Amino acid sequence: MVKGHPQHQAHKAPQYDLIPMKYAELLPALLRENLVKTRPPPSIPKKLPAHWRPDHFCAFHHGAQGHDVENRFSLKIEVQKLIDVDVLPFKRLNPSV
């Protein structure tokens, strides 16, 4: 492999713009406007991850147990795409943008 090839570069964590509300508040409007679609729930692993919470349920994943929309990266990715194409005007809330 060649040094500097993408496989050898450090992976950066995705960056998400700040939004002025909770994702749980935003999700119903996104669904109503057909800007996102819910997804099937992920399968529950036999060994539960440390962040799995039996008291949390995710509306983005049809009420799947173990997480909520605030920590759901798949929803954050969809919201970020909408911000990037100016469908959601939240970008101006970020001082570094």
PDB file of N, CA and C in Angstrom:
ATOM      1  N   MET A   1       0.832  -1.188   0.000  1.00  0.00           N
ATOM      2  CA  MET A   1       0.000   0.000   0.000  1.00  0.00           C
ATOM      3  C   MET A   1       0.882   1.260   0.000  1.00  0.00           C
ATOM      4  N   VAL A   2       0.394   2.289  -0.579  1.00  0.00           N
ATOM      5  CA  VAL A   2       1.118   3.546  -0.688  1.00  0.00           C
ATOM      6  C   VAL A   2       0.833   4.397   0.534  1.00  0.00           C
ATOM      7  N   LYS A   3       1.904   4.955   1.127  1.00  0.00           N
ATOM      8  CA  LYS A   3       1.727   5.846   2.264  1.00  0.00           C
ATOM      9  C   LYS A   3       0.889   7.045   1.813  1.00  0.00           C
ATOM     10  N   GLY A   4      -0.052   7.442   2.656  1.00  0.00           N
ATOM     11  CA  GLY A   4      -0.942   8.540   2.303  1.00  0.00           C
ATOM     12  C   GLY A   4      -2.211   8.060   1.630  1.00  0.00           C
ATOM     13  N   HIS A   5      -2.267   6.771   1.356  1.00  0.00           N
ATOM     14  CA  HIS A   5      -3.478   6.190   0.788  1.00  0.00           C
ATOM     15  C   HIS A   5      -4.603   6.346   1.801  1.00  0.00           C
ATOM     16  N   PRO A   6      -5.850   6.549   1.387  1.00  0.00           N
ATOM     17  CA  PRO A   6      -6.957   6.755   2.324  1.00  0.00           C
ATOM     18  C   PRO A   6      -7.057   5.697   3.415  1.00  0.00           C
ATOM     19  N   GLN A   7      -6.655   4.457   3.135  1.00  0.00           N
ATOM     20  CA  GLN A   7      -6.740   3.413   4.162  1.00  0.00           C
ATOM     21  C   GLN A   7      -5.786   3.665   5.314  1.00  0.00           C
ATOM     22  N   HIS A   8      -4.729   4.440   5.070  1.00  0.00           N
ATOM     23  CA  HIS A   8      -3.735   4.697   6.105  1.00  0.00           C
ATOM     24  C   HIS A   8      -3.966   6.008   6.847  1.00  0.00           C
ATOM     25  N   GLN A   9      -4.920   6.785   6.410  1.00  0.00           N
ATOM     26  CA  GLN A   9      -5.194   8.052   7.074  1.00  0.00           C
ATOM     27  C   GLN A   9      -6.075   7.819   8.284  1.00  0.00           C
ATOM     28  N   ALA A  10      -5.868   8.614   9.300  1.00  0.00           N
ATOM     29  CA  ALA A  10      -6.674   8.499  10.520  1.00  0.00           C
ATOM     30  C   ALA A  10      -8.127   8.834  10.214  1.00  0.00           C
ATOM     31  N   HIS A  11      -9.021   8.069  10.815  1.00  0.00           N
ATOM     32  CA  HIS A  11     -10.450   8.326  10.631  1.00  0.00           C
ATOM     33  C   HIS A  11     -10.878   9.424  11.580  1.00  0.00           C
ATOM     34  N   LYS A  12     -11.511  10.445  11.044  1.00  0.00           N
ATOM     35  CA  LYS A  12     -12.023  11.535  11.862  1.00  0.00           C
ATOM     36  C   LYS A  12     -13.482  11.256  12.191  1.00  0.00           C
ATOM     37  N   ALA A  13     -13.863  11.582  13.403  1.00  0.00           N
ATOM     38  CA  ALA A  13     -15.268  11.436  13.792  1.00  0.00           C
ATOM     39  C   ALA A  13     -16.097  12.421  12.982  1.00  0.00           C
ATOM     40  N   PRO A  14     -17.284  12.008  12.551  1.00  0.00           N
ATOM     41  CA  PRO A  14     -18.133  12.936  11.804  1.00  0.00           C
ATOM     42  C   PRO A  14     -18.465  14.164  12.645  1.00  0.00           C
ATOM     43  N   GLN A  15     -18.600  15.287  11.991  1.00  0.00           N
ATOM     44  CA  GLN A  15     -18.970  16.526  12.655  1.00  0.00           C
ATOM     45  C   GLN A  15     -20.410  16.862  12.298  1.00  0.00           C
ATOM     46  N   TYR A  16     -21.185  17.189  13.298  1.00  0.00           N
ATOM     47  CA  TYR A  16     -22.585  17.536  13.090  1.00  0.00           C
ATOM     48  C   TYR A  16     -22.815  18.966  13.546  1.00  0.00           C
ATOM     49  N   ASP A  17     -23.510  19.735  12.714  1.00  0.00           N
ATOM     50  CA  ASP A  17     -23.853  21.097  13.100  1.00  0.00           C
ATOM     51  C   ASP A  17     -24.812  21.053  14.282  1.00  0.00           C
ATOM     52  N   LEU A  18     -24.736  22.076  15.115  1.00  0.00           N
ATOM     53  CA  LEU A  18     -25.661  22.194  16.238  1.00  0.00           C
ATOM     54  C   LEU A  18     -27.054  22.489  15.708  1.00  0.00           C
ATOM     55  N   ILE A  19     -28.047  21.956  16.381  1.00  0.00           N
ATOM     56  CA  ILE A  19     -29.423  22.294  16.024  1.00  0.00           C
ATOM     57  C   ILE A  19     -30.081  22.908  17.262  1.00  0.00           C
ATOM     58  N   PRO A  20     -31.072  23.791  17.072  1.00  0.00           N
ATOM     59  CA  PRO A  20     -31.644  24.542  18.197  1.00  0.00           C
ATOM     60  C   PRO A  20     -32.720  23.798  18.980  1.00  0.00           C
ATOM     61  N   MET A  21     -32.782  22.476  18.821  1.00  0.00           N
ATOM     62  CA  MET A  21     -33.807  21.686  19.507  1.00  0.00           C
ATOM     63  C   MET A  21     -33.296  20.268  19.648  1.00  0.00           C
ATOM     64  N   LYS A  22     -34.028  19.470  20.359  1.00  0.00           N
ATOM     65  CA  LYS A  22     -33.688  18.062  20.474  1.00  0.00           C
ATOM     66  C   LYS A  22     -34.109  17.345  19.195  1.00  0.00           C
ATOM     67  N   TYR A  23     -33.395  16.286  18.873  1.00  0.00           N
ATOM     68  CA  TYR A  23     -33.751  15.489  17.696  1.00  0.00           C
ATOM     69  C   TYR A  23     -35.150  14.900  17.853  1.00  0.00           C
ATOM     70  N   ALA A  24     -35.541  14.585  19.073  1.00  0.00           N
ATOM     71  CA  ALA A  24     -36.888  14.044  19.321  1.00  0.00           C
ATOM     72  C   ALA A  24     -37.962  15.068  18.968  1.00  0.00           C
ATOM     73  N   GLU A  25     -37.670  16.355  19.103  1.00  0.00           N
ATOM     74  CA  GLU A  25     -38.613  17.406  18.726  1.00  0.00           C
ATOM     75  C   GLU A  25     -38.628  17.616  17.215  1.00  0.00           C
ATOM     76  N   LEU A  26     -37.486  17.453  16.585  1.00  0.00           N
ATOM     77  CA  LEU A  26     -37.356  17.680  15.147  1.00  0.00           C
ATOM     78  C   LEU A  26     -37.914  16.522  14.321  1.00  0.00           C
ATOM     79  N   LEU A  27     -37.760  15.298  14.801  1.00  0.00           N
ATOM     80  CA  LEU A  27     -38.138  14.126  14.025  1.00  0.00           C
ATOM     81  C   LEU A  27     -39.585  14.141  13.521  1.00  0.00           C
ATOM     82  N   PRO A  28     -40.590  14.458  14.341  1.00  0.00           N
ATOM     83  CA  PRO A  28     -41.961  14.457  13.806  1.00  0.00           C
ATOM     84  C   PRO A  28     -42.155  15.396  12.614  1.00  0.00           C
ATOM     85  N   ALA A  29     -41.532  16.563  12.637  1.00  0.00           N
ATOM     86  CA  ALA A  29     -41.648  17.503  11.520  1.00  0.00           C
ATOM     87  C   ALA A  29     -40.954  16.945  10.278  1.00  0.00           C
ATOM     88  N   LEU A  30     -39.795  16.328  10.449  1.00  0.00           N
ATOM     89  CA  LEU A  30     -39.085  15.737   9.318  1.00  0.00           C
ATOM     90  C   LEU A  30     -39.904  14.618   8.682  1.00  0.00           C
ATOM     91  N   LEU A  31     -40.555  13.813   9.515  1.00  0.00           N
ATOM     92  CA  LEU A  31     -41.401  12.731   9.007  1.00  0.00           C
ATOM     93  C   LEU A  31     -42.632  13.286   8.297  1.00  0.00           C
ATOM     94  N   ARG A  32     -43.248  14.290   8.892  1.00  0.00           N
ATOM     95  CA  ARG A  32     -44.457  14.896   8.324  1.00  0.00           C
ATOM     96  C   ARG A  32     -44.168  15.498   6.946  1.00  0.00           C
ATOM     97  N   GLU A  33     -42.994  16.094   6.792  1.00  0.00           N
ATOM     98  CA  GLU A  33     -42.615  16.728   5.527  1.00  0.00           C
ATOM     99  C   GLU A  33     -41.930  15.753   4.566  1.00  0.00           C
ATOM    100  N   ASN A  34     -41.876  14.475   4.945  1.00  0.00           N
ATOM    101  CA  ASN A  34     -41.226  13.440   4.126  1.00  0.00           C
ATOM    102  C   ASN A  34     -39.764  13.751   3.821  1.00  0.00           C
ATOM    103  N   LEU A  35     -39.079  14.366   4.782  1.00  0.00           N
ATOM    104  CA  LEU A  35     -37.662  14.665   4.612  1.00  0.00           C
ATOM    105  C   LEU A  35     -36.790  13.509   5.082  1.00  0.00           C
ATOM    106  N   VAL A  36     -37.311  12.676   5.963  1.00  0.00           N
ATOM    107  CA  VAL A  36     -36.648  11.439   6.386  1.00  0.00           C
ATOM    108  C   VAL A  36     -37.711  10.362   6.500  1.00  0.00           C
ATOM    109  N   LYS A  37     -37.263   9.139   6.501  1.00  0.00           N
ATOM    110  CA  LYS A  37     -38.155   7.998   6.711  1.00  0.00           C
ATOM    111  C   LYS A  37     -37.609   7.183   7.871  1.00  0.00           C
ATOM    112  N   THR A  38     -38.526   6.611   8.648  1.00  0.00           N
ATOM    113  CA  THR A  38     -38.084   5.757   9.738  1.00  0.00           C
ATOM    114  C   THR A  38     -37.396   4.531   9.152  1.00  0.00           C
ATOM    115  N   ARG A  39     -36.626   3.879   9.990  1.00  0.00           N
ATOM    116  CA  ARG A  39     -35.882   2.692   9.557  1.00  0.00           C
ATOM    117  C   ARG A  39     -36.260   1.505  10.423  1.00  0.00           C
ATOM    118  N   PRO A  40     -36.101   0.314   9.885  1.00  0.00           N
ATOM    119  CA  PRO A  40     -36.363  -0.871  10.711  1.00  0.00           C
ATOM    120  C   PRO A  40     -35.415  -0.885  11.909  1.00  0.00           C
ATOM    121  N   PRO A  41     -35.870  -1.425  13.020  1.00  0.00           N
ATOM    122  CA  PRO A  41     -34.997  -1.449  14.197  1.00  0.00           C
ATOM    123  C   PRO A  41     -33.792  -2.355  13.968  1.00  0.00           C
ATOM    124  N   PRO A  42     -32.650  -1.956  14.529  1.00  0.00           N
ATOM    125  CA  PRO A  42     -31.482  -2.830  14.430  1.00  0.00           C
ATOM    126  C   PRO A  42     -31.704  -4.060  15.306  1.00  0.00           C
ATOM    127  N   SER A  43     -31.039  -5.136  14.972  1.00  0.00           N
ATOM    128  CA  SER A  43     -31.167  -6.337  15.800  1.00  0.00           C
ATOM    129  C   SER A  43     -30.448  -6.105  17.129  1.00  0.00           C
ATOM    130  N   ILE A  44     -30.973  -6.709  18.156  1.00  0.00           N
ATOM    131  CA  ILE A  44     -30.370  -6.576  19.482  1.00  0.00           C
ATOM    132  C   ILE A  44     -29.278  -7.640  19.600  1.00  0.00           C
ATOM    133  N   PRO A  45     -28.044  -7.205  19.858  1.00  0.00           N
ATOM    134  CA  PRO A  45     -26.961  -8.180  19.961  1.00  0.00           C
ATOM    135  C   PRO A  45     -27.119  -9.065  21.200  1.00  0.00           C
ATOM    136  N   LYS A  46     -26.577 -10.273  21.127  1.00  0.00           N
ATOM    137  CA  LYS A  46     -26.655 -11.179  22.276  1.00  0.00           C
ATOM    138  C   LYS A  46     -25.967 -10.570  23.494  1.00  0.00           C
ATOM    139  N   LYS A  47     -24.801  -9.963  23.276  1.00  0.00           N
ATOM    140  CA  LYS A  47     -24.112  -9.252  24.354  1.00  0.00           C
ATOM    141  C   LYS A  47     -24.419  -7.768  24.171  1.00  0.00           C
ATOM    142  N   LEU A  48     -25.174  -7.226  25.099  1.00  0.00           N
ATOM    143  CA  LEU A  48     -25.603  -5.830  24.975  1.00  0.00           C
ATOM    144  C   LEU A  48     -24.424  -4.884  25.158  1.00  0.00           C
ATOM    145  N   PRO A  49     -24.335  -3.844  24.314  1.00  0.00           N
ATOM    146  CA  PRO A  49     -23.260  -2.868  24.473  1.00  0.00           C
ATOM    147  C   PRO A  49     -23.464  -2.046  25.741  1.00  0.00           C
ATOM    148  N   ALA A  50     -22.397  -1.457  26.227  1.00  0.00           N
ATOM    149  CA  ALA A  50     -22.436  -0.685  27.475  1.00  0.00           C
ATOM    150  C   ALA A  50     -23.424   0.476  27.399  1.00  0.00           C
ATOM    151  N   HIS A  51     -23.635   1.047  26.217  1.00  0.00           N
ATOM    152  CA  HIS A  51     -24.523   2.203  26.080  1.00  0.00           C
ATOM    153  C   HIS A  51     -25.995   1.801  25.906  1.00  0.00           C
ATOM    154  N   TRP A  52     -26.294   0.509  25.862  1.00  0.00           N
ATOM    155  CA  TRP A  52     -27.677   0.039  25.674  1.00  0.00           C
ATOM    156  C   TRP A  52     -28.492   0.364  26.907  1.00  0.00           C
ATOM    157  N   ARG A  53     -29.666   0.994  26.718  1.00  0.00           N
ATOM    158  CA  ARG A  53     -30.517   1.419  27.830  1.00  0.00           C
ATOM    159  C   ARG A  53     -31.905   0.812  27.678  1.00  0.00           C
ATOM    160  N   PRO A  54     -32.319  -0.078  28.570  1.00  0.00           N
ATOM    161  CA  PRO A  54     -33.626  -0.718  28.450  1.00  0.00           C
ATOM    162  C   PRO A  54     -34.798   0.258  28.583  1.00  0.00           C
ATOM    163  N   ASP A  55     -34.546   1.437  29.163  1.00  0.00           N
ATOM    164  CA  ASP A  55     -35.606   2.427  29.348  1.00  0.00           C
ATOM    165  C   ASP A  55     -35.678   3.444  28.206  1.00  0.00           C
ATOM    166  N   HIS A  56     -34.874   3.267  27.152  1.00  0.00           N
ATOM    167  CA  HIS A  56     -34.885   4.173  26.008  1.00  0.00           C
ATOM    168  C   HIS A  56     -35.496   3.478  24.802  1.00  0.00           C
ATOM    169  N   PHE A  57     -36.254   4.254  24.030  1.00  0.00           N
ATOM    170  CA  PHE A  57     -36.901   3.743  22.830  1.00  0.00           C
ATOM    171  C   PHE A  57     -36.713   4.762  21.716  1.00  0.00           C
ATOM    172  N   CYS A  58     -36.494   4.291  20.507  1.00  0.00           N
ATOM    173  CA  CYS A  58     -36.147   5.163  19.388  1.00  0.00           C
ATOM    174  C   CYS A  58     -37.280   5.258  18.366  1.00  0.00           C
ATOM    175  N   ALA A  59     -37.857   6.434  18.231  1.00  0.00           N
ATOM    176  CA  ALA A  59     -38.930   6.656  17.258  1.00  0.00           C
ATOM    177  C   ALA A  59     -38.419   6.526  15.824  1.00  0.00           C
ATOM    178  N   PHE A  60     -37.157   6.819  15.581  1.00  0.00           N
ATOM    179  CA  PHE A  60     -36.575   6.710  14.244  1.00  0.00           C
ATOM    180  C   PHE A  60     -36.480   5.247  13.812  1.00  0.00           C
ATOM    181  N   HIS A  61     -36.359   4.353  14.780  1.00  0.00           N
ATOM    182  CA  HIS A  61     -36.266   2.917  14.507  1.00  0.00           C
ATOM    183  C   HIS A  61     -37.516   2.186  14.997  1.00  0.00           C
ATOM    184  N   HIS A  62     -38.686   2.736  14.721  1.00  0.00           N
ATOM    185  CA  HIS A  62     -39.970   2.097  15.031  1.00  0.00           C
ATOM    186  C   HIS A  62     -40.078   1.693  16.503  1.00  0.00           C
ATOM    187  N   GLY A  63     -39.572   2.522  17.408  1.00  0.00           N
ATOM    188  CA  GLY A  63     -39.696   2.239  18.829  1.00  0.00           C
ATOM    189  C   GLY A  63     -38.711   1.222  19.361  1.00  0.00           C
ATOM    190  N   ALA A  64     -37.626   0.985  18.652  1.00  0.00           N
ATOM    191  CA  ALA A  64     -36.633   0.006  19.087  1.00  0.00           C
ATOM    192  C   ALA A  64     -36.119   0.343  20.488  1.00  0.00           C
ATOM    193  N   GLN A  65     -35.977  -0.676  21.284  1.00  0.00           N
ATOM    194  CA  GLN A  65     -35.506  -0.509  22.660  1.00  0.00           C
ATOM    195  C   GLN A  65     -33.981  -0.435  22.694  1.00  0.00           C
ATOM    196  N   GLY A  66     -33.475   0.324  23.650  1.00  0.00           N
ATOM    197  CA  GLY A  66     -32.045   0.353  23.899  1.00  0.00           C
ATOM    198  C   GLY A  66     -31.361   1.664  23.600  1.00  0.00           C
ATOM    199  N   HIS A  67     -31.997   2.524  22.825  1.00  0.00           N
ATOM    200  CA  HIS A  67     -31.417   3.834  22.510  1.00  0.00           C
ATOM    201  C   HIS A  67     -32.548   4.809  22.190  1.00  0.00           C
ATOM    202  N   ASP A  68     -32.198   6.078  22.132  1.00  0.00           N
ATOM    203  CA  ASP A  68     -33.182   7.084  21.730  1.00  0.00           C
ATOM    204  C   ASP A  68     -32.643   7.874  20.543  1.00  0.00           C
ATOM    205  N   VAL A  69     -33.431   8.780  20.016  1.00  0.00           N
ATOM    206  CA  VAL A  69     -33.019   9.516  18.822  1.00  0.00           C
ATOM    207  C   VAL A  69     -31.911  10.525  19.092  1.00  0.00           C
ATOM    208  N   GLU A  70     -31.740  10.945  20.320  1.00  0.00           N
ATOM    209  CA  GLU A  70     -30.704  11.941  20.621  1.00  0.00           C
ATOM    210  C   GLU A  70     -29.309  11.384  20.360  1.00  0.00           C
ATOM    211  N   ASN A  71     -29.135  10.101  20.494  1.00  0.00           N
ATOM    212  CA  ASN A  71     -27.821   9.482  20.311  1.00  0.00           C
ATOM    213  C   ASN A  71     -27.794   8.555  19.106  1.00  0.00           C
ATOM    214  N   ARG A  72     -28.664   8.791  18.161  1.00  0.00           N
ATOM    215  CA  ARG A  72     -28.771   7.926  16.984  1.00  0.00           C
ATOM    216  C   ARG A  72     -28.032   8.573  15.829  1.00  0.00           C
ATOM    217  N   PHE A  73     -26.878   8.044  15.506  1.00  0.00           N
ATOM    218  CA  PHE A  73     -26.056   8.663  14.473  1.00  0.00           C
ATOM    219  C   PHE A  73     -26.707   8.605  13.096  1.00  0.00           C
ATOM    220  N   SER A  74     -27.494   7.576  12.823  1.00  0.00           N
ATOM    221  CA  SER A  74     -28.139   7.503  11.507  1.00  0.00           C
ATOM    222  C   SER A  74     -29.096   8.675  11.302  1.00  0.00           C
ATOM    223  N   LEU A  75     -29.786   9.114  12.353  1.00  0.00           N
ATOM    224  CA  LEU A  75     -30.658  10.290  12.230  1.00  0.00           C
ATOM    225  C   LEU A  75     -29.819  11.557  12.120  1.00  0.00           C
ATOM    226  N   LYS A  76     -28.758  11.659  12.901  1.00  0.00           N
ATOM    227  CA  LYS A  76     -27.896  12.844  12.833  1.00  0.00           C
ATOM    228  C   LYS A  76     -27.304  13.007  11.434  1.00  0.00           C
ATOM    229  N   ILE A  77     -26.937  11.898  10.810  1.00  0.00           N
ATOM    230  CA  ILE A  77     -26.401  11.951   9.449  1.00  0.00           C
ATOM    231  C   ILE A  77     -27.452  12.500   8.489  1.00  0.00           C
ATOM    232  N   GLU A  78     -28.693  12.024   8.600  1.00  0.00           N
ATOM    233  CA  GLU A  78     -29.766  12.503   7.723  1.00  0.00           C
ATOM    234  C   GLU A  78     -30.034  13.991   7.936  1.00  0.00           C
ATOM    235  N   VAL A  79     -30.057  14.434   9.190  1.00  0.00           N
ATOM    236  CA  VAL A  79     -30.271  15.858   9.490  1.00  0.00           C
ATOM    237  C   VAL A  79     -29.116  16.683   8.939  1.00  0.00           C
ATOM    238  N   GLN A  80     -27.894  16.201   9.094  1.00  0.00           N
ATOM    239  CA  GLN A  80     -26.739  16.939   8.588  1.00  0.00           C
ATOM    240  C   GLN A  80     -26.809  17.086   7.068  1.00  0.00           C
ATOM    241  N   LYS A  81     -27.244  16.049   6.372  1.00  0.00           N
ATOM    242  CA  LYS A  81     -27.405  16.142   4.915  1.00  0.00           C
ATOM    243  C   LYS A  81     -28.406  17.236   4.555  1.00  0.00           C
ATOM    244  N   LEU A  82     -29.501  17.335   5.310  1.00  0.00           N
ATOM    245  CA  LEU A  82     -30.516  18.365   5.054  1.00  0.00           C
ATOM    246  C   LEU A  82     -29.969  19.761   5.344  1.00  0.00           C
ATOM    247  N   ILE A  83     -29.125  19.878   6.358  1.00  0.00           N
ATOM    248  CA  ILE A  83     -28.479  21.161   6.659  1.00  0.00           C
ATOM    249  C   ILE A  83     -27.524  21.533   5.528  1.00  0.00           C
ATOM    250  N   ASP A  84     -26.747  20.564   5.070  1.00  0.00           N
ATOM    251  CA  ASP A  84     -25.738  20.816   4.037  1.00  0.00           C
ATOM    252  C   ASP A  84     -26.343  21.286   2.719  1.00  0.00           C
ATOM    253  N   VAL A  85     -27.559  20.841   2.407  1.00  0.00           N
ATOM    254  CA  VAL A  85     -28.206  21.272   1.148  1.00  0.00           C
ATOM    255  C   VAL A  85     -29.206  22.408   1.396  1.00  0.00           C
ATOM    256  N   ASP A  86     -29.117  23.024   2.572  1.00  0.00           N
ATOM    257  CA  ASP A  86     -29.925  24.191   2.938  1.00  0.00           C
ATOM    258  C   ASP A  86     -31.422  23.928   3.013  1.00  0.00           C
ATOM    259  N   VAL A  87     -31.821  22.692   3.233  1.00  0.00           N
ATOM    260  CA  VAL A  87     -33.234  22.399   3.484  1.00  0.00           C
ATOM    261  C   VAL A  87     -33.569  22.795   4.921  1.00  0.00           C
ATOM    262  N   LEU A  88     -32.631  22.600   5.821  1.00  0.00           N
ATOM    263  CA  LEU A  88     -32.770  23.052   7.211  1.00  0.00           C
ATOM    264  C   LEU A  88     -31.767  24.178   7.430  1.00  0.00           C
ATOM    265  N   PRO A  89     -32.208  25.335   7.898  1.00  0.00           N
ATOM    266  CA  PRO A  89     -31.326  26.499   8.021  1.00  0.00           C
ATOM    267  C   PRO A  89     -30.540  26.575   9.324  1.00  0.00           C
ATOM    268  N   PHE A  90     -30.225  25.443   9.919  1.00  0.00           N
ATOM    269  CA  PHE A  90     -29.553  25.462  11.213  1.00  0.00           C
ATOM    270  C   PHE A  90     -28.078  25.822  11.137  1.00  0.00           C
ATOM    271  N   LYS A  91     -27.480  25.794   9.959  1.00  0.00           N
ATOM    272  CA  LYS A  91     -26.041  26.031   9.833  1.00  0.00           C
ATOM    273  C   LYS A  91     -25.625  27.377  10.427  1.00  0.00           C
ATOM    274  N   ARG A  92     -26.466  28.370  10.297  1.00  0.00           N
ATOM    275  CA  ARG A  92     -26.099  29.711  10.779  1.00  0.00           C
ATOM    276  C   ARG A  92     -25.995  29.778  12.306  1.00  0.00           C
ATOM    277  N   LEU A  93     -26.449  28.737  13.011  1.00  0.00           N
ATOM    278  CA  LEU A  93     -26.349  28.720  14.468  1.00  0.00           C
ATOM    279  C   LEU A  93     -24.961  28.355  14.942  1.00  0.00           C
ATOM    280  N   ASN A  94     -24.098  27.866  14.053  1.00  0.00           N
ATOM    281  CA  ASN A  94     -22.772  27.417  14.428  1.00  0.00           C
ATOM    282  C   ASN A  94     -21.772  28.543  14.218  1.00  0.00           C
ATOM    283  N   PRO A  95     -21.112  28.986  15.291  1.00  0.00           N
ATOM    284  CA  PRO A  95     -20.202  30.126  15.174  1.00  0.00           C
ATOM    285  C   PRO A  95     -19.004  29.872  14.272  1.00  0.00           C
ATOM    286  N   SER A  96     -18.595  28.628  14.079  1.00  0.00           N
ATOM    287  CA  SER A  96     -17.407  28.345  13.272  1.00  0.00           C
ATOM    288  C   SER A  96     -17.728  28.198  11.798  1.00  0.00           C
ATOM    289  N   VAL A  97     -18.999  28.317  11.420  1.00  0.00           N
ATOM    290  CA  VAL A  97     -19.365  28.116  10.007  1.00  0.00           C
ATOM    291  C   VAL A  97     -19.482  29.450   9.317  1.00  0.00           C
TER     292      VAL A  97
END
